[in-house]
Amino acid sequence: MGDEAGDVADPLLAEISERKISGGRTVATGGFARAMHASFQCREHKLLWRPATRLLGSIYTVRLRVRDGNGAWSNVLRATAEASQ
């Protein structure tokens, strides 16, 4: 439900899953969920976090998807990079 001004919608939930790959195998995983402010207008969001130490030092893959207030999930955004310590 929104507020009277029509600016606030149901909260969004960002789900982040992380993994460390070494030698072609997953050697560590992690993840968390974070509630985000929502609005009825399109809006860009920024999520910042530091990967757990156990996930650094090799290939790091992160997956992000967002659930809206109605329970619908977004497409998965996936990124892979070298993660230095």
Protein backbone atom coordinates (compact mmCIF):
# COMPACT_ATOMS: atom_id res chain seq x y z
CA MET A 1 0.00 0.00 0.00
CA GLY A 2 1.21 3.48 -0.75
CA ASP A 3 1.03 6.58 1.37
CA GLU A 4 -1.40 9.42 0.77
CA ALA A 5 1.09 11.30 -1.40
CA GLY A 6 1.41 8.23 -3.65
CA ASP A 7 5.18 8.10 -3.32
CA VAL A 8 5.79 4.97 -1.25
CA ALA A 9 5.01 1.44 -2.45
CA ASP A 10 5.41 -1.93 -0.79
CA PRO A 11 9.07 -2.63 0.05
CA LEU A 12 11.37 -4.41 -2.38
CA LEU A 13 13.60 -7.28 -1.31
CA ALA A 14 17.01 -7.71 -2.94
CA GLU A 15 18.44 -11.23 -2.74
CA ILE A 16 22.19 -11.51 -3.31
CA SER A 17 24.02 -14.83 -3.64
CA GLU A 18 27.80 -15.01 -3.96
CA ARG A 19 30.28 -17.74 -4.74
CA LYS A 20 34.02 -18.21 -5.08
CA ILE A 21 35.27 -20.38 -7.93
CA SER A 22 38.74 -21.88 -7.94
CA GLY A 23 39.96 -24.52 -10.38
CA GLY A 24 36.53 -24.56 -12.01
CA ARG A 25 34.84 -25.59 -8.74
CA THR A 26 32.74 -23.65 -6.25
CA VAL A 27 34.79 -23.52 -3.05
CA ALA A 28 32.78 -21.03 -0.97
CA THR A 29 29.30 -19.51 -1.03
CA GLY A 30 27.48 -16.74 0.78
CA GLY A 31 24.50 -14.52 0.46
CA PHE A 32 22.02 -12.23 2.10
CA ALA A 33 18.77 -10.37 1.53
CA ARG A 34 18.22 -6.66 2.01
CA ALA A 35 14.98 -4.67 2.10
CA MET A 36 14.97 -1.59 -0.12
CA HIS A 37 12.76 1.47 -0.23
CA ALA A 38 10.24 1.29 -3.06
CA SER A 39 8.22 3.92 -4.84
CA PHE A 40 5.52 3.95 -7.46
CA GLN A 41 7.97 5.67 -9.78
CA CYS A 42 10.85 3.95 -11.55
CA ARG A 43 13.95 4.37 -9.47
CA GLU A 44 17.58 3.30 -9.58
CA HIS A 45 18.95 1.59 -6.47
CA LYS A 46 22.52 1.05 -5.37
CA LEU A 47 23.59 -1.83 -3.12
CA LEU A 48 27.02 -1.75 -1.55
CA TRP A 49 28.63 -4.52 0.48
CA ARG A 50 32.01 -6.07 1.10
CA PRO A 51 32.28 -9.76 0.20
CA ALA A 52 33.24 -12.08 3.03
CA THR A 53 36.99 -12.74 3.20
CA ARG A 54 36.46 -16.40 2.33
CA LEU A 55 35.07 -15.30 -1.05
CA LEU A 56 38.10 -13.21 -2.05
CA GLY A 57 41.23 -14.23 -3.93
CA SER A 58 39.81 -15.98 -6.98
CA ILE A 59 36.89 -15.72 -9.38
CA TYR A 60 33.89 -14.14 -7.65
CA THR A 61 30.35 -14.48 -9.00
CA VAL A 62 27.37 -12.54 -7.68
CA ARG A 63 23.70 -13.07 -8.52
CA LEU A 64 21.07 -10.43 -7.80
CA ARG A 65 17.31 -10.59 -8.08
CA VAL A 66 14.61 -8.38 -6.60
CA ARG A 67 11.14 -9.27 -5.31
CA ASP A 68 8.41 -6.65 -5.45
CA GLY A 69 5.60 -6.10 -2.93
CA ASN A 70 3.36 -8.54 -4.83
CA GLY A 71 5.90 -11.34 -4.57
CA ALA A 72 7.02 -11.28 -8.23
CA TRP A 73 10.75 -11.83 -8.82
CA SER A 74 12.85 -9.92 -11.35
CA ASN A 75 15.14 -11.56 -13.87
CA VAL A 76 18.49 -12.57 -12.38
CA LEU A 77 21.42 -10.23 -12.89
CA ARG A 78 24.72 -12.11 -12.82
CA ALA A 79 28.27 -10.72 -12.79
CA THR A 80 31.66 -12.44 -12.54
CA ALA A 81 35.03 -10.84 -11.79
CA GLU A 82 38.41 -11.50 -10.27
CA ALA A 83 38.12 -10.75 -6.55
CA SER A 84 41.35 -9.53 -5.01
CA GLN A 85 42.05 -9.50 -1.30
